[in-house]
Amino acid sequence: MAKRPDFKSFKEEALKNAKVRKEYEALRSEFELIIEFIKARKLAKLSQAALAKKLKVTQPSIARLEGGGYATTSISKLSKVANALGCSLQVSLQAKKRN
């Protein structure tokens, strides 16, 4: 049986496909936000369960957020999560690259 590729190799191969690359780029800001929230939680030395308790929500709701559930989450809620992590949420607009 062939060895499964690691994620980096899989991602590089997948992004060679123009349709996959387009969808990936469309979700880039969400991926970056997920990474920032996870880094902040770990820096605060909080488990998902501990963060959930602080926010008076369930651990699965934190897992959903960290799994990419930001698209339907309000800025207000994201700000509360950031605050619980000792951070502030900043939202900005940036001009898109023109082709």
PDB file of N, CA and C in Angstrom:
ATOM      1  N   MET A   1       0.847  -1.178   0.000  1.00  0.00           N
ATOM      2  CA  MET A   1       0.000   0.000   0.000  1.00  0.00           C
ATOM      3  C   MET A   1       0.891   1.240   0.000  1.00  0.00           C
ATOM      4  N   ALA A   2       0.518   2.241  -0.788  1.00  0.00           N
ATOM      5  CA  ALA A   2       1.296   3.468  -0.899  1.00  0.00           C
ATOM      6  C   ALA A   2       1.160   4.307   0.368  1.00  0.00           C
ATOM      7  N   LYS A   3       2.260   4.963   0.735  1.00  0.00           N
ATOM      8  CA  LYS A   3       2.263   5.829   1.914  1.00  0.00           C
ATOM      9  C   LYS A   3       1.459   7.098   1.609  1.00  0.00           C
ATOM     10  N   ARG A   4       0.661   7.525   2.569  1.00  0.00           N
ATOM     11  CA  ARG A   4      -0.119   8.744   2.410  1.00  0.00           C
ATOM     12  C   ARG A   4       0.812   9.948   2.485  1.00  0.00           C
ATOM     13  N   PRO A   5       0.573  10.964   1.649  1.00  0.00           N
ATOM     14  CA  PRO A   5       1.425  12.155   1.686  1.00  0.00           C
ATOM     15  C   PRO A   5       1.159  12.969   2.951  1.00  0.00           C
ATOM     16  N   ASP A   6       2.148  13.707   3.405  1.00  0.00           N
ATOM     17  CA  ASP A   6       1.913  14.605   4.537  1.00  0.00           C
ATOM     18  C   ASP A   6       1.057  15.776   4.028  1.00  0.00           C
ATOM     19  N   PHE A   7       0.558  16.581   4.951  1.00  0.00           N
ATOM     20  CA  PHE A   7      -0.368  17.643   4.557  1.00  0.00           C
ATOM     21  C   PHE A   7       0.283  18.642   3.610  1.00  0.00           C
ATOM     22  N   LYS A   8       1.533  19.013   3.884  1.00  0.00           N
ATOM     23  CA  LYS A   8       2.214  19.995   3.045  1.00  0.00           C
ATOM     24  C   LYS A   8       2.295  19.504   1.599  1.00  0.00           C
ATOM     25  N   SER A   9       2.684  18.255   1.414  1.00  0.00           N
ATOM     26  CA  SER A   9       2.777  17.685   0.062  1.00  0.00           C
ATOM     27  C   SER A   9       1.402  17.612  -0.599  1.00  0.00           C
ATOM     28  N   PHE A  10       0.408  17.202   0.175  1.00  0.00           N
ATOM     29  CA  PHE A  10      -0.963  17.119  -0.340  1.00  0.00           C
ATOM     30  C   PHE A  10      -1.446  18.496  -0.793  1.00  0.00           C
ATOM     31  N   LYS A  11      -1.204  19.511   0.051  1.00  0.00           N
ATOM     32  CA  LYS A  11      -1.641  20.866  -0.261  1.00  0.00           C
ATOM     33  C   LYS A  11      -0.957  21.386  -1.523  1.00  0.00           C
ATOM     34  N   GLU A  12       0.356  21.199  -1.618  1.00  0.00           N
ATOM     35  CA  GLU A  12       1.088  21.644  -2.802  1.00  0.00           C
ATOM     36  C   GLU A  12       0.524  21.010  -4.071  1.00  0.00           C
ATOM     37  N   GLU A  13       0.257  19.728  -3.997  1.00  0.00           N
ATOM     38  CA  GLU A  13      -0.282  19.009  -5.153  1.00  0.00           C
ATOM     39  C   GLU A  13      -1.689  19.505  -5.488  1.00  0.00           C
ATOM     40  N   ALA A  14      -2.521  19.668  -4.472  1.00  0.00           N
ATOM     41  CA  ALA A  14      -3.902  20.108  -4.686  1.00  0.00           C
ATOM     42  C   ALA A  14      -3.957  21.506  -5.293  1.00  0.00           C
ATOM     43  N   LEU A  15      -3.047  22.397  -4.861  1.00  0.00           N
ATOM     44  CA  LEU A  15      -3.068  23.779  -5.339  1.00  0.00           C
ATOM     45  C   LEU A  15      -2.587  23.928  -6.781  1.00  0.00           C
ATOM     46  N   LYS A  16      -2.107  22.852  -7.360  1.00  0.00           N
ATOM     47  CA  LYS A  16      -1.747  22.882  -8.780  1.00  0.00           C
ATOM     48  C   LYS A  16      -3.002  22.941  -9.650  1.00  0.00           C
ATOM     49  N   ASN A  17      -4.123  22.501  -9.088  1.00  0.00           N
ATOM     50  CA  ASN A  17      -5.404  22.538  -9.780  1.00  0.00           C
ATOM     51  C   ASN A  17      -5.975  23.959  -9.650  1.00  0.00           C
ATOM     52  N   ALA A  18      -6.244  24.612 -10.761  1.00  0.00           N
ATOM     53  CA  ALA A  18      -6.701  26.008 -10.765  1.00  0.00           C
ATOM     54  C   ALA A  18      -7.996  26.210  -9.973  1.00  0.00           C
ATOM     55  N   LYS A  19      -8.933  25.277 -10.078  1.00  0.00           N
ATOM     56  CA  LYS A  19     -10.202  25.415  -9.347  1.00  0.00           C
ATOM     57  C   LYS A  19      -9.980  25.314  -7.843  1.00  0.00           C
ATOM     58  N   VAL A  20      -9.152  24.380  -7.436  1.00  0.00           N
ATOM     59  CA  VAL A  20      -8.849  24.212  -6.014  1.00  0.00           C
ATOM     60  C   VAL A  20      -8.132  25.453  -5.500  1.00  0.00           C
ATOM     61  N   ARG A  21      -7.152  25.947  -6.269  1.00  0.00           N
ATOM     62  CA  ARG A  21      -6.396  27.133  -5.869  1.00  0.00           C
ATOM     63  C   ARG A  21      -7.317  28.343  -5.708  1.00  0.00           C
ATOM     64  N   LYS A  22      -8.280  28.505  -6.638  1.00  0.00           N
ATOM     65  CA  LYS A  22      -9.222  29.628  -6.569  1.00  0.00           C
ATOM     66  C   LYS A  22     -10.061  29.557  -5.290  1.00  0.00           C
ATOM     67  N   GLU A  23     -10.578  28.381  -4.965  1.00  0.00           N
ATOM     68  CA  GLU A  23     -11.375  28.206  -3.745  1.00  0.00           C
ATOM     69  C   GLU A  23     -10.524  28.415  -2.489  1.00  0.00           C
ATOM     70  N   TYR A  24      -9.304  27.909  -2.526  1.00  0.00           N
ATOM     71  CA  TYR A  24      -8.393  28.072  -1.390  1.00  0.00           C
ATOM     72  C   TYR A  24      -8.124  29.555  -1.144  1.00  0.00           C
ATOM     73  N   GLU A  25      -7.855  30.289  -2.220  1.00  0.00           N
ATOM     74  CA  GLU A  25      -7.580  31.726  -2.084  1.00  0.00           C
ATOM     75  C   GLU A  25      -8.812  32.469  -1.552  1.00  0.00           C
ATOM     76  N   ALA A  26      -9.994  32.031  -1.937  1.00  0.00           N
ATOM     77  CA  ALA A  26     -11.226  32.667  -1.465  1.00  0.00           C
ATOM     78  C   ALA A  26     -11.387  32.492   0.044  1.00  0.00           C
ATOM     79  N   LEU A  27     -10.830  31.408   0.578  1.00  0.00           N
ATOM     80  CA  LEU A  27     -10.952  31.123   2.016  1.00  0.00           C
ATOM     81  C   LEU A  27      -9.709  31.500   2.814  1.00  0.00           C
ATOM     82  N   ARG A  28      -8.705  32.076   2.156  1.00  0.00           N
ATOM     83  CA  ARG A  28      -7.430  32.378   2.821  1.00  0.00           C
ATOM     84  C   ARG A  28      -7.600  33.192   4.111  1.00  0.00           C
ATOM     85  N   SER A  29      -8.402  34.240   4.080  1.00  0.00           N
ATOM     86  CA  SER A  29      -8.550  35.088   5.267  1.00  0.00           C
ATOM     87  C   SER A  29      -9.162  34.303   6.424  1.00  0.00           C
ATOM     88  N   GLU A  30     -10.079  33.389   6.120  1.00  0.00           N
ATOM     89  CA  GLU A  30     -10.666  32.566   7.178  1.00  0.00           C
ATOM     90  C   GLU A  30      -9.615  31.617   7.758  1.00  0.00           C
ATOM     91  N   PHE A  31      -8.808  31.002   6.889  1.00  0.00           N
ATOM     92  CA  PHE A  31      -7.745  30.113   7.368  1.00  0.00           C
ATOM     93  C   PHE A  31      -6.777  30.875   8.276  1.00  0.00           C
ATOM     94  N   GLU A  32      -6.412  32.082   7.864  1.00  0.00           N
ATOM     95  CA  GLU A  32      -5.472  32.883   8.649  1.00  0.00           C
ATOM     96  C   GLU A  32      -6.059  33.251  10.007  1.00  0.00           C
ATOM     97  N   LEU A  33      -7.348  33.561  10.037  1.00  0.00           N
ATOM     98  CA  LEU A  33      -8.008  33.898  11.293  1.00  0.00           C
ATOM     99  C   LEU A  33      -8.059  32.692  12.222  1.00  0.00           C
ATOM    100  N   ILE A  34      -8.340  31.536  11.679  1.00  0.00           N
ATOM    101  CA  ILE A  34      -8.356  30.304  12.471  1.00  0.00           C
ATOM    102  C   ILE A  34      -7.004  30.098  13.132  1.00  0.00           C
ATOM    103  N   ILE A  35      -5.945  30.226  12.360  1.00  0.00           N
ATOM    104  CA  ILE A  35      -4.591  30.038  12.884  1.00  0.00           C
ATOM    105  C   ILE A  35      -4.306  31.033  13.999  1.00  0.00           C
ATOM    106  N   GLU A  36      -4.711  32.287  13.815  1.00  0.00           N
ATOM    107  CA  GLU A  36      -4.480  33.313  14.838  1.00  0.00           C
ATOM    108  C   GLU A  36      -5.222  32.992  16.141  1.00  0.00           C
ATOM    109  N   PHE A  37      -6.469  32.554  16.035  1.00  0.00           N
ATOM    110  CA  PHE A  37      -7.221  32.213  17.245  1.00  0.00           C
ATOM    111  C   PHE A  37      -6.609  31.010  17.965  1.00  0.00           C
ATOM    112  N   ILE A  38      -6.201  30.006  17.231  1.00  0.00           N
ATOM    113  CA  ILE A  38      -5.592  28.823  17.860  1.00  0.00           C
ATOM    114  C   ILE A  38      -4.275  29.199  18.530  1.00  0.00           C
ATOM    115  N   LYS A  39      -3.448  30.009  17.850  1.00  0.00           N
ATOM    116  CA  LYS A  39      -2.181  30.462  18.447  1.00  0.00           C
ATOM    117  C   LYS A  39      -2.444  31.241  19.734  1.00  0.00           C
ATOM    118  N   ALA A  40      -3.427  32.132  19.702  1.00  0.00           N
ATOM    119  CA  ALA A  40      -3.745  32.950  20.880  1.00  0.00           C
ATOM    120  C   ALA A  40      -4.232  32.080  22.028  1.00  0.00           C
ATOM    121  N   ARG A  41      -5.054  31.071  21.721  1.00  0.00           N
ATOM    122  CA  ARG A  41      -5.547  30.177  22.779  1.00  0.00           C
ATOM    123  C   ARG A  41      -4.403  29.410  23.409  1.00  0.00           C
ATOM    124  N   LYS A  42      -3.500  28.928  22.579  1.00  0.00           N
ATOM    125  CA  LYS A  42      -2.356  28.177  23.100  1.00  0.00           C
ATOM    126  C   LYS A  42      -1.414  29.086  23.886  1.00  0.00           C
ATOM    127  N   LEU A  43      -1.208  30.307  23.408  1.00  0.00           N
ATOM    128  CA  LEU A  43      -0.366  31.274  24.117  1.00  0.00           C
ATOM    129  C   LEU A  43      -0.969  31.610  25.484  1.00  0.00           C
ATOM    130  N   ALA A  44      -2.298  31.650  25.555  1.00  0.00           N
ATOM    131  CA  ALA A  44      -2.991  31.910  26.819  1.00  0.00           C
ATOM    132  C   ALA A  44      -3.028  30.666  27.704  1.00  0.00           C
ATOM    133  N   LYS A  45      -2.491  29.549  27.173  1.00  0.00           N
ATOM    134  CA  LYS A  45      -2.447  28.276  27.894  1.00  0.00           C
ATOM    135  C   LYS A  45      -3.843  27.811  28.305  1.00  0.00           C
ATOM    136  N   LEU A  46      -4.757  27.933  27.353  1.00  0.00           N
ATOM    137  CA  LEU A  46      -6.134  27.500  27.596  1.00  0.00           C
ATOM    138  C   LEU A  46      -6.469  26.336  26.668  1.00  0.00           C
ATOM    139  N   SER A  47      -7.132  25.344  27.213  1.00  0.00           N
ATOM    140  CA  SER A  47      -7.673  24.274  26.380  1.00  0.00           C
ATOM    141  C   SER A  47      -8.968  24.797  25.764  1.00  0.00           C
ATOM    142  N   GLN A  48      -9.487  24.073  24.798  1.00  0.00           N
ATOM    143  CA  GLN A  48     -10.787  24.458  24.241  1.00  0.00           C
ATOM    144  C   GLN A  48     -11.844  24.459  25.344  1.00  0.00           C
ATOM    145  N   ALA A  49     -11.777  23.471  26.222  1.00  0.00           N
ATOM    146  CA  ALA A  49     -12.763  23.372  27.315  1.00  0.00           C
ATOM    147  C   ALA A  49     -12.653  24.561  28.264  1.00  0.00           C
ATOM    148  N   ALA A  50     -11.423  24.965  28.586  1.00  0.00           N
ATOM    149  CA  ALA A  50     -11.231  26.097  29.502  1.00  0.00           C
ATOM    150  C   ALA A  50     -11.720  27.400  28.866  1.00  0.00           C
ATOM    151  N   LEU A  51     -11.451  27.573  27.585  1.00  0.00           N
ATOM    152  CA  LEU A  51     -11.928  28.769  26.883  1.00  0.00           C
ATOM    153  C   LEU A  51     -13.452  28.765  26.832  1.00  0.00           C
ATOM    154  N   ALA A  52     -14.018  27.618  26.553  1.00  0.00           N
ATOM    155  CA  ALA A  52     -15.476  27.498  26.509  1.00  0.00           C
ATOM    156  C   ALA A  52     -16.091  27.878  27.845  1.00  0.00           C
ATOM    157  N   LYS A  53     -15.489  27.403  28.921  1.00  0.00           N
ATOM    158  CA  LYS A  53     -16.005  27.707  30.262  1.00  0.00           C
ATOM    159  C   LYS A  53     -15.956  29.211  30.523  1.00  0.00           C
ATOM    160  N   LYS A  54     -14.858  29.847  30.120  1.00  0.00           N
ATOM    161  CA  LYS A  54     -14.710  31.289  30.283  1.00  0.00           C
ATOM    162  C   LYS A  54     -15.793  32.060  29.530  1.00  0.00           C
ATOM    163  N   LEU A  55     -16.164  31.538  28.375  1.00  0.00           N
ATOM    164  CA  LEU A  55     -17.151  32.202  27.523  1.00  0.00           C
ATOM    165  C   LEU A  55     -18.583  31.741  27.786  1.00  0.00           C
ATOM    166  N   LYS A  56     -18.718  30.749  28.664  1.00  0.00           N
ATOM    167  CA  LYS A  56     -20.029  30.175  28.983  1.00  0.00           C
ATOM    168  C   LYS A  56     -20.692  29.573  27.741  1.00  0.00           C
ATOM    169  N   VAL A  57     -19.870  28.839  26.982  1.00  0.00           N
ATOM    170  CA  VAL A  57     -20.352  28.098  25.821  1.00  0.00           C
ATOM    171  C   VAL A  57     -19.828  26.673  25.946  1.00  0.00           C
ATOM    172  N   THR A  58     -20.151  25.828  25.007  1.00  0.00           N
ATOM    173  CA  THR A  58     -19.687  24.442  25.061  1.00  0.00           C
ATOM    174  C   THR A  58     -18.347  24.290  24.339  1.00  0.00           C
ATOM    175  N   GLN A  59     -17.595  23.279  24.723  1.00  0.00           N
ATOM    176  CA  GLN A  59     -16.316  22.999  24.067  1.00  0.00           C
ATOM    177  C   GLN A  59     -16.516  22.711  22.577  1.00  0.00           C
ATOM    178  N   PRO A  60     -17.564  21.959  22.185  1.00  0.00           N
ATOM    179  CA  PRO A  60     -17.754  21.740  20.754  1.00  0.00           C
ATOM    180  C   PRO A  60     -17.947  23.037  19.958  1.00  0.00           C
ATOM    181  N   SER A  61     -18.501  24.077  20.584  1.00  0.00           N
ATOM    182  CA  SER A  61     -18.656  25.341  19.851  1.00  0.00           C
ATOM    183  C   SER A  61     -17.292  25.978  19.590  1.00  0.00           C
ATOM    184  N   ILE A  62     -16.357  25.823  20.517  1.00  0.00           N
ATOM    185  CA  ILE A  62     -14.998  26.322  20.300  1.00  0.00           C
ATOM    186  C   ILE A  62     -14.319  25.484  19.209  1.00  0.00           C
ATOM    187  N   ALA A  63     -14.527  24.180  19.255  1.00  0.00           N
ATOM    188  CA  ALA A  63     -13.953  23.299  18.228  1.00  0.00           C
ATOM    189  C   ALA A  63     -14.487  23.673  16.845  1.00  0.00           C
ATOM    190  N   ARG A  64     -15.779  23.993  16.755  1.00  0.00           N
ATOM    191  CA  ARG A  64     -16.359  24.391  15.470  1.00  0.00           C
ATOM    192  C   ARG A  64     -15.721  25.683  14.962  1.00  0.00           C
ATOM    193  N   LEU A  65     -15.521  26.645  15.879  1.00  0.00           N
ATOM    194  CA  LEU A  65     -14.866  27.896  15.479  1.00  0.00           C
ATOM    195  C   LEU A  65     -13.462  27.623  14.960  1.00  0.00           C
ATOM    196  N   GLU A  66     -12.725  26.778  15.666  1.00  0.00           N
ATOM    197  CA  GLU A  66     -11.352  26.472  15.271  1.00  0.00           C
ATOM    198  C   GLU A  66     -11.297  25.570  14.043  1.00  0.00           C
ATOM    199  N   GLY A  67     -12.413  24.978  13.704  1.00  0.00           N
ATOM    200  CA  GLY A  67     -12.466  24.124  12.522  1.00  0.00           C
ATOM    201  C   GLY A  67     -12.905  24.871  11.278  1.00  0.00           C
ATOM    202  N   GLY A  68     -13.101  26.171  11.422  1.00  0.00           N
ATOM    203  CA  GLY A  68     -13.473  26.958  10.256  1.00  0.00           C
ATOM    204  C   GLY A  68     -14.891  27.463  10.302  1.00  0.00           C
ATOM    205  N   GLY A  69     -15.439  27.616  11.471  1.00  0.00           N
ATOM    206  CA  GLY A  69     -16.818  28.055  11.589  1.00  0.00           C
ATOM    207  C   GLY A  69     -16.990  29.548  11.741  1.00  0.00           C
ATOM    208  N   TYR A  70     -16.048  30.343  11.218  1.00  0.00           N
ATOM    209  CA  TYR A  70     -16.144  31.790  11.387  1.00  0.00           C
ATOM    210  C   TYR A  70     -17.085  32.458  10.402  1.00  0.00           C
ATOM    211  N   ALA A  71     -17.349  31.832   9.291  1.00  0.00           N
ATOM    212  CA  ALA A  71     -18.123  32.468   8.226  1.00  0.00           C
ATOM    213  C   ALA A  71     -19.489  32.955   8.692  1.00  0.00           C
ATOM    214  N   THR A  72     -20.108  32.244   9.603  1.00  0.00           N
ATOM    215  CA  THR A  72     -21.441  32.644  10.060  1.00  0.00           C
ATOM    216  C   THR A  72     -21.420  33.205  11.485  1.00  0.00           C
ATOM    217  N   THR A  73     -20.235  33.486  11.997  1.00  0.00           N
ATOM    218  CA  THR A  73     -20.094  34.007  13.353  1.00  0.00           C
ATOM    219  C   THR A  73     -20.016  35.522  13.315  1.00  0.00           C
ATOM    220  N   SER A  74     -20.724  36.172  14.232  1.00  0.00           N
ATOM    221  CA  SER A  74     -20.735  37.636  14.246  1.00  0.00           C
ATOM    222  C   SER A  74     -19.398  38.194  14.720  1.00  0.00           C
ATOM    223  N   ILE A  75     -19.124  39.404  14.313  1.00  0.00           N
ATOM    224  CA  ILE A  75     -17.912  40.091  14.763  1.00  0.00           C
ATOM    225  C   ILE A  75     -17.970  40.262  16.272  1.00  0.00           C
ATOM    226  N   SER A  76     -19.159  40.490  16.804  1.00  0.00           N
ATOM    227  CA  SER A  76     -19.333  40.638  18.246  1.00  0.00           C
ATOM    228  C   SER A  76     -18.864  39.383  18.990  1.00  0.00           C
ATOM    229  N   LYS A  77     -19.265  38.221  18.499  1.00  0.00           N
ATOM    230  CA  LYS A  77     -18.865  36.974  19.146  1.00  0.00           C
ATOM    231  C   LYS A  77     -17.359  36.748  19.014  1.00  0.00           C
ATOM    232  N   LEU A  78     -16.814  37.003  17.834  1.00  0.00           N
ATOM    233  CA  LEU A  78     -15.376  36.847  17.649  1.00  0.00           C
ATOM    234  C   LEU A  78     -14.602  37.786  18.570  1.00  0.00           C
ATOM    235  N   SER A  79     -15.150  38.975  18.772  1.00  0.00           N
ATOM    236  CA  SER A  79     -14.525  39.942  19.667  1.00  0.00           C
ATOM    237  C   SER A  79     -14.538  39.425  21.106  1.00  0.00           C
ATOM    238  N   LYS A  80     -15.622  38.773  21.518  1.00  0.00           N
ATOM    239  CA  LYS A  80     -15.699  38.195  22.863  1.00  0.00           C
ATOM    240  C   LYS A  80     -14.677  37.079  23.036  1.00  0.00           C
ATOM    241  N   VAL A  81     -14.504  36.256  22.009  1.00  0.00           N
ATOM    242  CA  VAL A  81     -13.509  35.181  22.064  1.00  0.00           C
ATOM    243  C   VAL A  81     -12.122  35.796  22.166  1.00  0.00           C
ATOM    244  N   ALA A  82     -11.842  36.791  21.335  1.00  0.00           N
ATOM    245  CA  ALA A  82     -10.543  37.461  21.367  1.00  0.00           C
ATOM    246  C   ALA A  82     -10.285  38.061  22.745  1.00  0.00           C
ATOM    247  N   ASN A  83     -11.283  38.706  23.310  1.00  0.00           N
ATOM    248  CA  ASN A  83     -11.158  39.315  24.630  1.00  0.00           C
ATOM    249  C   ASN A  83     -10.845  38.261  25.701  1.00  0.00           C
ATOM    250  N   ALA A  84     -11.506  37.126  25.635  1.00  0.00           N
ATOM    251  CA  ALA A  84     -11.265  36.036  26.591  1.00  0.00           C
ATOM    252  C   ALA A  84      -9.843  35.490  26.471  1.00  0.00           C
ATOM    253  N   LEU A  85      -9.241  35.686  25.304  1.00  0.00           N
ATOM    254  CA  LEU A  85      -7.869  35.236  25.070  1.00  0.00           C
ATOM    255  C   LEU A  85      -6.844  36.329  25.380  1.00  0.00           C
ATOM    256  N   GLY A  86      -7.337  37.474  25.858  1.00  0.00           N
ATOM    257  CA  GLY A  86      -6.437  38.574  26.167  1.00  0.00           C
ATOM    258  C   GLY A  86      -5.998  39.337  24.929  1.00  0.00           C
ATOM    259  N   CYS A  87      -6.822  39.302  23.898  1.00  0.00           N
ATOM    260  CA  CYS A  87      -6.508  39.963  22.630  1.00  0.00           C
ATOM    261  C   CYS A  87      -7.643  40.908  22.258  1.00  0.00           C
ATOM    262  N   SER A  88      -7.389  41.723  21.254  1.00  0.00           N
ATOM    263  CA  SER A  88      -8.466  42.529  20.690  1.00  0.00           C
ATOM    264  C   SER A  88      -8.620  42.135  19.230  1.00  0.00           C
ATOM    265  N   LEU A  89      -9.823  42.215  18.742  1.00  0.00           N
ATOM    266  CA  LEU A  89     -10.106  41.878  17.354  1.00  0.00           C
ATOM    267  C   LEU A  89     -10.086  43.160  16.550  1.00  0.00           C
ATOM    268  N   GLN A  90      -9.341  43.154  15.460  1.00  0.00           N
ATOM    269  CA  GLN A  90      -9.301  44.304  14.564  1.00  0.00           C
ATOM    270  C   GLN A  90      -9.755  43.844  13.189  1.00  0.00           C
ATOM    271  N   VAL A  91     -10.689  44.568  12.626  1.00  0.00           N
ATOM    272  CA  VAL A  91     -11.207  44.243  11.305  1.00  0.00           C
ATOM    273  C   VAL A  91     -10.794  45.373  10.373  1.00  0.00           C
ATOM    274  N   SER A  92     -10.295  45.015   9.207  1.00  0.00           N
ATOM    275  CA  SER A  92      -9.887  46.049   8.254  1.00  0.00           C
ATOM    276  C   SER A  92     -10.254  45.622   6.841  1.00  0.00           C
ATOM    277  N   LEU A  93     -10.315  46.598   5.976  1.00  0.00           N
ATOM    278  CA  LEU A  93     -10.536  46.341   4.559  1.00  0.00           C
ATOM    279  C   LEU A  93      -9.235  46.592   3.829  1.00  0.00           C
ATOM    280  N   GLN A  94      -8.943  45.711   2.893  1.00  0.00           N
ATOM    281  CA  GLN A  94      -7.752  45.873   2.078  1.00  0.00           C
ATOM    282  C   GLN A  94      -8.152  45.732   0.615  1.00  0.00           C
ATOM    283  N   ALA A  95      -7.602  46.575  -0.212  1.00  0.00           N
ATOM    284  CA  ALA A  95      -7.907  46.502  -1.645  1.00  0.00           C
ATOM    285  C   ALA A  95      -7.428  45.178  -2.198  1.00  0.00           C
ATOM    286  N   LYS A  96      -8.221  44.609  -3.079  1.00  0.00           N
ATOM    287  CA  LYS A  96      -7.847  43.368  -3.742  1.00  0.00           C
ATOM    288  C   LYS A  96      -6.814  43.661  -4.816  1.00  0.00           C
ATOM    289  N   LYS A  97      -6.018  42.651  -5.104  1.00  0.00           N
ATOM    290  CA  LYS A  97      -5.054  42.798  -6.195  1.00  0.00           C
ATOM    291  C   LYS A  97      -5.824  42.807  -7.497  1.00  0.00           C
ATOM    292  N   ARG A  98      -5.453  43.688  -8.371  1.00  0.00           N
ATOM    293  CA  ARG A  98      -6.124  43.771  -9.674  1.00  0.00           C
ATOM    294  C   ARG A  98      -5.284  43.037 -10.697  1.00  0.00           C
ATOM    295  N   ASN A  99      -5.950  42.239 -11.486  1.00  0.00           N
ATOM    296  CA  ASN A  99      -5.241  41.456 -12.516  1.00  0.00           C
ATOM    297  C   ASN A  99      -5.145  42.189 -13.808  1.00  0.00           C
TER     298      ASN A  99
END
